[in-house]
Amino acid sequence: MKIITVGFYDDFSRFFLRLNKEICNLCPSSTYLHLSLNFSGYLYWRLRDSHVKLLPWLNWFSSNKKQYAKQYSYSGKVYNGVNLDWCVAYHLGEHNLSDKQQDKYYRLAMSYVDRFDILLKKEQPDLVLLSGDSRLAVRVMISLCNLKKISTRFFEQGPFASTIIDSSGVNANASIRHTWDTREQVNEHEDLSLISQYISRPKLNRYKRNLIYRLLDIALNTYPIKCLVPYDIRERGVGGVIVNKLSNVFRSFTSAKQEHHTVKDAPYSCTVLLALQVPQDANMLLHSPLYDNHADIIEDCIKALPEQAKLVVREHPLYRGYYESRVYELINRYACVFLDDNQKVVTSIDDADIIVVNNSMLGVEALLSFKPILALGDSYYDGVVAKVDAREDIAQALINTMHEPVDRYSRIAFMRKLCFSYLQAGHYRYENLDFTRDIAKHLISNLIR
């Protein structure tokens, strides 16, 4: 059996290297090849094993070939059976790009198509295991595997220190979105006890990354070297990283401005908790049909607030003080809007009367609080919460959601399915990766009948 894995950074390589070796231990005839998109991932693997290729740079240079550059129109084009618009969707939504910049992504996609086609013909894998389902190289690989009838699985970190290995995709594309069944018998007391034990099980120590790997990626994304880095793996660079870290240590000036009306001192009869998420991630760019930024979400929620209600905005822990300036301008402008001052997400959920998410992971964490939840975007859990289909409907949806009884039965059925039939216990950043043996057994059992 031949396995190809596709990953990004050094911590991805560490996880996939261990997983591939577990597969080979269980099935000695197996072989593997890892395709790394980021240099840190390539270097980590290369220092420990030779079965690895660094993908983007060769594709970046070959994308300038005349056979790609001479295309007069890329939009709507299918290249060798691959829909280019679908492959570049994440990257075109990430920035306000000029036509010339967009063309570079299309040319890069065509270069990936040709290179992956040759690679798949040579390697003839039985399984391709991909990190996520949104990035350009990953989507090209998905498209070609579908054309060649090669099995694919999708890797993503899950909630409650778990791993997701799915046959359909991740986030809103995950199979559980359509496969959980409310007709299954639910024993509320027993099921809640089991789910609680799963969620609260002891968490293991995290792997301490060698900073050299991460610094290499940061250096490659800093001018002038950044000009040589392929478009599809470019990051904001060292400046953004430093600002983010400093904002977490010293807090931002926007937080200081909030001291005159803290959440605890506000006398309101209803608390609406709005959970923000990582800006510019796949959930915002690909699975958010109503919004492309957090400021618009906050503004619409302010307009939709019922009388005597306050809006508490919870930032993602990694982005406190780091959202677009308009987010903080809105929070400071309205007396009924506050930044969440709770560090623990459980406390924020407990203090809320209703929770609004776009498609944040907090929506999953809040399900068993049995608080009303209103989702604005697409996610794998949106079938068990209230959902808005149009921005102008938010005000009425908030009122309806607050007054309608929560379907405890459906939430318990979904969480039982999620925890015991979908998630794999263990996180890819754990120091101890022994849990990968169970994932290896799971993969092999689904390939060998």
Protein backbone atom coordinates (compact mmCIF):
# COMPACT_ATOMS: atom_id res chain seq x y z
CA MET A 1 0.00 0.00 0.00
CA LYS A 2 1.36 3.44 -0.96
CA ILE A 3 0.45 6.54 1.06
CA ILE A 4 1.03 10.17 0.08
CA THR A 5 0.60 12.83 2.77
CA VAL A 6 0.44 16.59 2.20
CA GLY A 7 1.23 19.04 5.00
CA PHE A 8 2.49 22.49 5.89
CA TYR A 9 4.80 23.20 8.85
CA ASP A 10 7.24 21.17 10.97
CA ASP A 11 4.53 20.12 13.46
CA PHE A 12 2.50 18.71 10.55
CA SER A 13 5.57 16.78 9.37
CA ARG A 14 6.15 15.40 12.84
CA PHE A 15 2.57 14.10 12.98
CA PHE A 16 2.51 12.64 9.45
CA LEU A 17 5.95 11.03 9.80
CA ARG A 18 4.84 9.18 12.91
CA LEU A 19 1.49 8.24 11.32
CA ASN A 20 3.18 6.88 8.18
CA LYS A 21 5.57 4.79 10.24
CA GLU A 22 2.67 3.39 12.28
CA ILE A 23 0.95 2.41 9.03
CA CYS A 24 4.13 0.66 7.87
CA ASN A 25 4.42 -1.17 11.20
CA LEU A 26 0.87 -2.47 10.87
CA CYS A 27 1.16 -3.16 7.15
CA PRO A 28 4.86 -3.90 6.43
CA SER A 29 4.45 -3.78 2.66
CA SER A 30 3.39 -0.12 2.81
CA THR A 31 5.46 2.79 1.54
CA TYR A 32 4.95 6.52 1.88
CA LEU A 33 5.88 9.93 0.47
CA HIS A 34 5.33 13.30 2.14
CA LEU A 35 4.75 16.50 0.18
CA SER A 36 5.57 19.61 2.21
CA LEU A 37 4.34 23.05 1.24
CA ASN A 38 6.40 25.00 3.78
CA PHE A 39 10.15 24.88 4.18
CA SER A 40 9.99 24.13 7.92
CA GLY A 41 7.93 21.02 7.21
CA TYR A 42 10.35 19.87 4.54
CA LEU A 43 13.43 20.44 6.70
CA TYR A 44 11.97 18.64 9.74
CA TRP A 45 11.16 15.58 7.63
CA ARG A 46 14.37 15.64 5.58
CA LEU A 47 16.56 15.57 8.69
CA ARG A 48 14.79 12.39 9.81
CA ASP A 49 13.64 10.64 6.64
CA SER A 50 14.27 10.91 2.89
CA HIS A 51 10.73 10.27 1.63
CA VAL A 52 9.78 13.94 1.24
CA LYS A 53 9.46 16.57 -1.49
CA LEU A 54 9.27 20.35 -1.22
CA LEU A 55 6.47 21.36 -3.57
CA PRO A 56 5.91 25.06 -4.20
CA TRP A 57 9.22 26.50 -5.41
CA LEU A 58 9.59 24.41 -8.56
CA ASN A 59 5.94 25.03 -9.39
CA TRP A 60 6.39 28.75 -8.78
CA PHE A 61 9.19 29.01 -11.34
CA SER A 62 7.57 26.69 -13.87
CA SER A 63 4.29 28.64 -13.67
CA ASN A 64 5.93 31.35 -15.77
CA LYS A 65 6.26 29.04 -18.74
CA LYS A 66 4.70 30.26 -21.97
CA GLN A 67 2.21 27.41 -21.97
CA TYR A 68 0.58 28.96 -18.89
CA ALA A 69 1.28 32.65 -19.41
CA LYS A 70 -0.27 32.78 -22.88
CA GLN A 71 -3.76 32.03 -21.60
CA TYR A 72 -6.01 34.95 -22.53
CA SER A 73 -8.60 34.30 -19.83
CA TYR A 74 -8.31 32.15 -16.71
CA SER A 75 -11.67 32.64 -15.01
CA GLY A 76 -14.06 29.79 -15.72
CA LYS A 77 -11.29 27.73 -17.27
CA VAL A 78 -10.98 23.98 -16.86
CA TYR A 79 -7.40 22.81 -17.31
CA ASN A 80 -6.87 19.08 -17.98
CA GLY A 81 -10.15 18.34 -16.25
CA VAL A 82 -9.44 20.56 -13.22
CA ASN A 83 -11.68 23.52 -12.36
CA LEU A 84 -9.19 26.34 -11.76
CA ASP A 85 -11.73 28.69 -10.16
CA TRP A 86 -12.41 26.14 -7.43
CA CYS A 87 -8.70 25.57 -6.84
CA VAL A 88 -7.81 29.26 -6.37
CA ALA A 89 -10.98 30.32 -4.49
CA TYR A 90 -9.34 30.52 -1.06
CA HIS A 91 -6.41 32.59 -2.26
CA LEU A 92 -8.43 35.02 -4.35
CA GLY A 93 -10.63 35.74 -1.34
CA GLU A 94 -7.66 36.36 0.94
CA HIS A 95 -6.69 39.76 -0.44
CA ASN A 96 -7.95 42.49 -2.75
CA LEU A 97 -5.93 41.34 -5.74
CA SER A 98 -5.36 42.94 -9.11
CA ASP A 99 -6.04 40.97 -12.30
CA LYS A 100 -2.30 40.47 -12.74
CA GLN A 101 -1.95 39.04 -9.24
CA GLN A 102 -4.94 36.75 -9.74
CA ASP A 103 -3.40 35.48 -12.97
CA LYS A 104 -0.35 34.30 -11.03
CA TYR A 105 -2.54 32.03 -8.91
CA TYR A 106 -4.21 30.57 -11.98
CA ARG A 107 -0.85 29.92 -13.64
CA LEU A 108 0.43 28.34 -10.43
CA ALA A 109 -2.66 26.11 -10.34
CA MET A 110 -1.99 24.89 -13.88
CA SER A 111 1.62 24.20 -12.95
CA TYR A 112 0.43 22.13 -9.97
CA VAL A 113 -1.94 20.20 -12.23
CA ASP A 114 0.87 19.12 -14.53
CA ARG A 115 3.34 18.34 -11.75
CA PHE A 116 0.82 16.38 -9.65
CA ASP A 117 -0.36 14.47 -12.70
CA ILE A 118 3.18 13.24 -13.31
CA LEU A 119 3.69 12.49 -9.61
CA LEU A 120 0.48 10.47 -9.26
CA LYS A 121 1.23 8.46 -12.40
CA LYS A 122 4.67 7.63 -11.05
CA GLU A 123 3.74 6.89 -7.43
CA GLN A 124 0.28 5.34 -7.99
CA PRO A 125 -0.81 5.84 -4.36
CA ASP A 126 -3.64 3.93 -2.74
CA LEU A 127 -4.40 6.85 -0.43
CA VAL A 128 -3.67 10.58 -0.36
CA LEU A 129 -4.03 12.20 3.07
CA LEU A 130 -4.40 15.98 2.85
CA SER A 131 -4.14 18.81 5.36
CA GLY A 132 -7.45 20.64 5.07
CA ASP A 133 -9.35 21.11 1.83
CA SER A 134 -8.91 24.76 0.92
CA ARG A 135 -5.38 25.66 -0.19
CA LEU A 136 -4.43 25.77 -3.86
CA ALA A 137 -2.09 22.77 -3.95
CA VAL A 138 -4.47 20.70 -1.84
CA ARG A 139 -7.45 21.44 -4.09
CA VAL A 140 -5.47 20.58 -7.22
CA MET A 141 -4.53 17.27 -5.61
CA ILE A 142 -8.18 16.64 -4.64
CA SER A 143 -9.31 17.30 -8.21
CA LEU A 144 -6.74 14.96 -9.76
CA CYS A 145 -7.38 12.21 -7.21
CA ASN A 146 -11.09 12.39 -8.03
CA LEU A 147 -10.34 12.13 -11.75
CA LYS A 148 -8.00 9.16 -11.18
CA LYS A 149 -10.27 7.43 -8.63
CA ILE A 150 -7.64 7.62 -5.88
CA SER A 151 -8.91 7.53 -2.29
CA THR A 152 -8.47 10.73 -0.30
CA ARG A 153 -8.79 11.56 3.39
CA PHE A 154 -8.70 14.98 5.01
CA PHE A 155 -6.82 15.84 8.18
CA GLU A 156 -7.75 18.65 10.57
CA GLN A 157 -7.40 19.30 14.28
CA GLY A 158 -10.71 18.81 16.03
CA PRO A 159 -12.32 20.17 19.19
CA PHE A 160 -11.55 18.79 22.65
CA ALA A 161 -7.93 17.86 21.81
CA SER A 162 -8.84 15.55 18.95
CA THR A 163 -7.99 14.76 15.34
CA ILE A 164 -10.33 14.68 12.36
CA ILE A 165 -9.69 12.24 9.52
CA ASP A 166 -12.61 12.59 7.13
CA SER A 167 -13.45 11.18 3.70
CA SER A 168 -15.40 14.24 2.52
CA GLY A 169 -13.54 17.30 3.80
CA VAL A 170 -13.22 19.56 6.82
CA ASN A 171 -15.17 22.49 8.28
CA ALA A 172 -18.49 22.85 6.42
CA ASN A 173 -17.47 20.03 4.04
CA ALA A 174 -17.15 17.46 6.82
CA SER A 175 -19.21 14.32 6.41
CA ILE A 176 -20.76 14.55 9.87
CA ARG A 177 -22.73 17.59 8.73
CA HIS A 178 -24.97 15.22 6.75
CA THR A 179 -24.58 11.84 8.45
CA TRP A 180 -25.62 12.30 12.08
CA ASP A 181 -29.10 10.96 12.77
CA THR A 182 -31.59 12.43 15.26
CA ARG A 183 -33.65 9.24 15.08
CA GLU A 184 -31.08 7.40 17.17
CA GLN A 185 -32.23 6.71 20.70
CA VAL A 186 -30.84 9.17 23.24
CA ASN A 187 -30.45 8.44 26.92
CA GLU A 188 -29.88 11.98 28.15
CA HIS A 189 -28.35 11.25 31.55
CA GLU A 190 -26.08 8.44 30.36
CA ASP A 191 -25.04 10.11 27.11
CA LEU A 192 -24.29 13.44 28.76
CA SER A 193 -22.13 11.66 31.32
CA LEU A 194 -20.14 9.84 28.63
CA ILE A 195 -19.73 12.97 26.51
CA SER A 196 -18.62 14.96 29.54
CA GLN A 197 -16.01 12.32 30.36
CA TYR A 198 -14.71 12.50 26.80
CA ILE A 199 -14.49 16.29 26.78
CA SER A 200 -12.90 16.54 30.23
CA ARG A 201 -10.42 13.67 29.78
CA PRO A 202 -6.84 14.58 30.79
CA LYS A 203 -4.95 16.51 28.11
CA LEU A 204 -1.34 15.55 27.41
CA ASN A 205 1.70 17.80 27.28
CA ARG A 206 2.15 19.80 24.09
CA TYR A 207 5.09 19.35 21.76
CA LYS A 208 7.62 22.17 22.16
CA ARG A 209 8.47 23.30 18.65
CA ASN A 210 12.04 24.17 17.77
CA LEU A 211 11.91 27.89 17.04
CA ILE A 212 14.46 27.50 14.26
CA TYR A 213 11.83 25.88 12.02
CA ARG A 214 9.30 28.64 12.55
CA LEU A 215 11.91 31.39 12.22
CA LEU A 216 12.90 29.98 8.84
CA ASP A 217 9.32 30.32 7.60
CA ILE A 218 9.10 33.84 9.03
CA ALA A 219 12.41 34.83 7.40
CA LEU A 220 11.21 33.53 4.05
CA ASN A 221 8.13 35.73 4.36
CA THR A 222 10.09 38.90 5.06
CA TYR A 223 11.20 41.35 2.39
CA PRO A 224 13.15 41.11 0.17
CA ILE A 225 13.23 37.29 0.36
CA LYS A 226 9.42 37.22 0.31
CA CYS A 227 9.49 38.13 -3.39
CA LEU A 228 10.93 34.67 -4.10
CA VAL A 229 8.31 32.78 -2.07
CA PRO A 230 5.43 31.22 -4.03
CA TYR A 231 2.16 33.12 -3.73
CA ASP A 232 0.19 30.24 -2.25
CA ILE A 233 2.33 29.90 0.91
CA ARG A 234 3.12 33.55 1.62
CA GLU A 235 2.30 34.87 5.07
CA ARG A 236 2.04 38.32 6.58
CA GLY A 237 5.63 38.05 7.74
CA VAL A 238 7.56 38.87 10.87
CA GLY A 239 5.88 42.25 11.46
CA GLY A 240 2.45 40.75 11.94
CA VAL A 241 3.79 38.02 14.20
CA ILE A 242 5.58 40.50 16.48
CA VAL A 243 2.57 42.82 16.70
CA ASN A 244 0.31 39.88 17.55
CA LYS A 245 2.60 38.63 20.31
CA LEU A 246 3.05 42.09 21.80
CA SER A 247 -0.70 42.69 21.79
CA ASN A 248 -1.20 39.55 23.88
CA VAL A 249 1.49 40.59 26.38
CA PHE A 250 0.75 44.27 26.82
CA ARG A 251 -2.87 44.32 25.61
CA SER A 252 -3.85 46.75 22.93
CA PHE A 253 -4.79 50.38 23.33
CA THR A 254 -8.35 49.43 22.39
CA SER A 255 -8.67 47.30 25.51
CA ALA A 256 -7.53 50.20 27.66
CA LYS A 257 -10.26 52.37 26.21
CA GLN A 258 -12.83 49.84 27.38
CA GLU A 259 -12.01 50.29 31.07
CA HIS A 260 -14.73 52.92 31.52
CA HIS A 261 -17.50 50.40 30.80
CA THR A 262 -16.48 46.85 31.58
CA VAL A 263 -18.75 43.88 31.08
CA LYS A 264 -19.20 43.27 34.81
CA ASP A 265 -20.48 46.78 35.49
CA ALA A 266 -23.06 46.89 32.71
CA PRO A 267 -26.73 46.68 33.88
CA TYR A 268 -28.48 44.91 31.00
CA SER A 269 -31.20 42.29 31.09
CA CYS A 270 -29.90 40.18 28.19
CA THR A 271 -26.36 39.28 27.13
CA VAL A 272 -25.57 38.40 23.51
CA LEU A 273 -22.13 36.82 23.16
CA LEU A 274 -20.53 37.22 19.72
CA ALA A 275 -17.53 34.97 19.11
CA LEU A 276 -14.94 36.20 16.63
CA GLN A 277 -12.54 33.80 14.94
CA VAL A 278 -9.20 33.85 13.15
CA PRO A 279 -9.36 36.45 10.36
CA GLN A 280 -8.75 35.32 6.80
CA ASP A 281 -9.05 31.59 7.52
CA ALA A 282 -10.90 29.09 5.35
CA ASN A 283 -14.08 29.40 7.40
CA MET A 284 -14.28 33.12 6.71
CA LEU A 285 -13.14 32.98 3.08
CA LEU A 286 -14.97 29.87 1.85
CA HIS A 287 -17.78 29.07 4.29
CA SER A 288 -19.13 32.51 5.14
CA PRO A 289 -21.77 33.41 2.52
CA LEU A 290 -22.91 36.55 4.35
CA TYR A 291 -19.67 38.14 5.59
CA ASP A 292 -16.05 38.59 4.63
CA ASN A 293 -14.93 40.55 7.72
CA HIS A 294 -15.70 40.76 11.43
CA ALA A 295 -16.50 44.47 11.53
CA ASP A 296 -19.61 43.96 9.37
CA ILE A 297 -20.72 41.12 11.64
CA ILE A 298 -20.40 43.32 14.72
CA GLU A 299 -22.21 46.23 13.05
CA ASP A 300 -25.14 44.03 11.99
CA CYS A 301 -25.36 42.46 15.46
CA ILE A 302 -25.47 45.94 17.03
CA LYS A 303 -28.33 46.95 14.75
CA ALA A 304 -30.14 43.70 15.54
CA LEU A 305 -29.81 43.88 19.34
CA PRO A 306 -33.14 43.64 21.18
CA GLU A 307 -33.99 46.39 23.67
CA GLN A 308 -32.15 46.22 27.00
CA ALA A 309 -29.59 43.80 25.51
CA LYS A 310 -25.84 44.15 25.52
CA LEU A 311 -23.41 42.70 23.00
CA VAL A 312 -20.24 41.10 24.36
CA VAL A 313 -17.57 40.54 21.72
CA ARG A 314 -15.14 37.72 22.42
CA GLU A 315 -11.89 37.87 20.43
CA HIS A 316 -10.04 34.76 19.38
CA PRO A 317 -7.28 34.17 22.00
CA LEU A 318 -4.55 34.49 19.36
CA TYR A 319 -5.91 37.76 17.98
CA ARG A 320 -6.75 39.87 21.02
CA GLY A 321 -6.27 43.49 20.02
CA TYR A 322 -5.29 42.43 16.51
CA TYR A 323 -8.51 42.71 14.48
CA GLU A 324 -9.14 45.48 11.97
CA SER A 325 -9.39 48.93 13.56
CA ARG A 326 -13.07 49.26 12.64
CA VAL A 327 -13.89 46.42 15.04
CA TYR A 328 -12.62 48.44 18.01
CA GLU A 329 -14.13 51.68 16.72
CA LEU A 330 -17.56 50.04 16.75
CA ILE A 331 -17.05 48.59 20.22
CA ASN A 332 -16.04 51.98 21.61
CA ARG A 333 -18.80 53.88 19.82
CA TYR A 334 -21.76 52.07 21.40
CA ALA A 335 -22.44 51.98 25.15
CA CYS A 336 -24.16 48.58 24.84
CA VAL A 337 -21.14 46.85 23.27
CA PHE A 338 -18.21 45.43 25.25
CA LEU A 339 -15.04 43.45 24.79
CA ASP A 340 -15.17 40.16 26.66
CA ASP A 341 -12.82 40.23 29.64
CA ASN A 342 -13.06 36.50 30.41
CA GLN A 343 -10.01 34.34 29.71
CA LYS A 344 -11.89 31.03 29.85
CA VAL A 345 -14.39 30.29 27.13
CA VAL A 346 -16.59 28.35 29.57
CA THR A 347 -17.06 31.51 31.64
CA SER A 348 -18.02 33.54 28.57
CA ILE A 349 -20.59 30.92 27.58
CA ASP A 350 -22.03 30.71 31.10
CA ASP A 351 -22.45 34.50 31.26
CA ALA A 352 -24.35 34.67 27.96
CA ASP A 353 -28.09 34.40 27.33
CA ILE A 354 -27.62 33.78 23.60
CA ILE A 355 -24.51 33.02 21.57
CA VAL A 356 -23.86 34.26 18.03
CA VAL A 357 -21.17 32.68 15.88
CA ASN A 358 -20.24 32.88 12.24
CA ASN A 359 -18.85 29.35 12.13
CA SER A 360 -16.43 29.45 15.05
CA MET A 361 -15.38 26.32 16.94
CA LEU A 362 -16.93 27.98 20.00
CA GLY A 363 -20.28 26.93 18.54
CA VAL A 364 -19.37 23.28 19.17
CA GLU A 365 -18.04 24.02 22.64
CA ALA A 366 -21.30 25.77 23.53
CA LEU A 367 -23.72 23.05 22.35
CA LEU A 368 -24.01 21.27 25.68
CA SER A 369 -24.53 24.52 27.57
CA PHE A 370 -27.99 24.28 25.95
CA LYS A 371 -27.89 28.03 25.44
CA PRO A 372 -29.58 29.41 22.29
CA ILE A 373 -27.02 29.57 19.44
CA LEU A 374 -27.39 31.54 16.22
CA ALA A 375 -25.02 30.74 13.32
CA LEU A 376 -24.37 33.20 10.48
CA GLY A 377 -22.15 30.99 8.32
CA ASP A 378 -21.78 27.37 7.25
CA SER A 379 -20.24 24.75 9.54
CA TYR A 380 -20.46 21.06 10.29
CA TYR A 381 -22.63 21.75 13.35
CA ASP A 382 -25.09 24.22 11.78
CA GLY A 383 -27.81 21.57 11.61
CA VAL A 384 -28.27 21.62 15.39
CA VAL A 385 -28.40 25.38 15.91
CA ALA A 386 -30.49 28.23 14.53
CA LYS A 387 -29.13 29.72 11.32
CA VAL A 388 -29.53 32.96 9.37
CA ASP A 389 -29.78 32.95 5.58
CA ALA A 390 -29.80 36.73 5.01
CA ARG A 391 -28.21 39.64 6.87
CA GLU A 392 -31.50 41.53 7.15
CA ASP A 393 -33.00 38.59 9.07
CA ILE A 394 -30.60 38.73 12.02
CA ALA A 395 -32.80 40.90 14.26
CA GLN A 396 -35.82 38.63 13.97
CA ALA A 397 -33.63 35.53 14.19
CA LEU A 398 -32.16 36.75 17.48
CA ILE A 399 -35.62 37.20 18.98
CA ASN A 400 -36.86 33.86 17.65
CA THR A 401 -33.76 32.00 18.85
CA MET A 402 -33.99 33.45 22.35
CA HIS A 403 -37.64 32.44 22.77
CA GLU A 404 -37.68 29.06 21.04
CA PRO A 405 -36.86 26.03 23.22
CA VAL A 406 -33.47 24.45 22.62
CA ASP A 407 -33.64 20.97 21.06
CA ARG A 408 -31.65 19.11 23.70
CA TYR A 409 -32.28 15.76 22.00
CA SER A 410 -30.63 16.81 18.72
CA ARG A 411 -27.65 18.40 20.42
CA ILE A 412 -26.96 15.32 22.52
CA ALA A 413 -27.35 13.02 19.50
CA PHE A 414 -24.96 15.18 17.47
CA MET A 415 -22.35 15.42 20.23
CA ARG A 416 -22.47 11.68 20.84
CA LYS A 417 -21.90 11.06 17.14
CA LEU A 418 -19.13 13.67 17.04
CA CYS A 419 -17.21 12.40 20.06
CA PHE A 420 -17.56 8.64 19.67
CA SER A 421 -18.01 8.00 15.94
CA TYR A 422 -16.16 10.86 14.29
CA LEU A 423 -13.32 12.39 16.30
CA GLN A 424 -10.06 10.54 16.91
CA ALA A 425 -8.79 11.15 20.44
CA GLY A 426 -5.40 12.87 20.48
CA HIS A 427 -4.03 16.14 19.10
CA TYR A 428 -1.34 16.40 16.46
CA ARG A 429 0.65 18.78 18.68
CA TYR A 430 0.81 16.34 21.59
CA GLU A 431 4.32 15.43 22.73
CA ASN A 432 3.22 11.79 22.83
CA LEU A 433 1.92 10.66 19.44
CA ASP A 434 1.06 7.07 20.39
CA PHE A 435 -2.57 7.78 19.45
CA THR A 436 -1.53 7.78 15.77
CA ARG A 437 -1.51 3.99 15.91
CA ASP A 438 -5.30 4.03 16.31
CA ILE A 439 -5.59 6.43 13.35
CA ALA A 440 -3.36 4.12 11.31
CA LYS A 441 -5.63 1.17 12.12
CA HIS A 442 -8.65 3.24 11.13
CA LEU A 443 -7.11 4.20 7.77
CA ILE A 444 -5.95 0.68 6.95
CA SER A 445 -9.30 -0.89 7.85
CA ASN A 446 -11.06 1.46 5.45
CA LEU A 447 -8.67 0.70 2.58
CA ILE A 448 -8.25 -3.06 3.01
CA ARG A 449 -11.49 -5.02 2.97
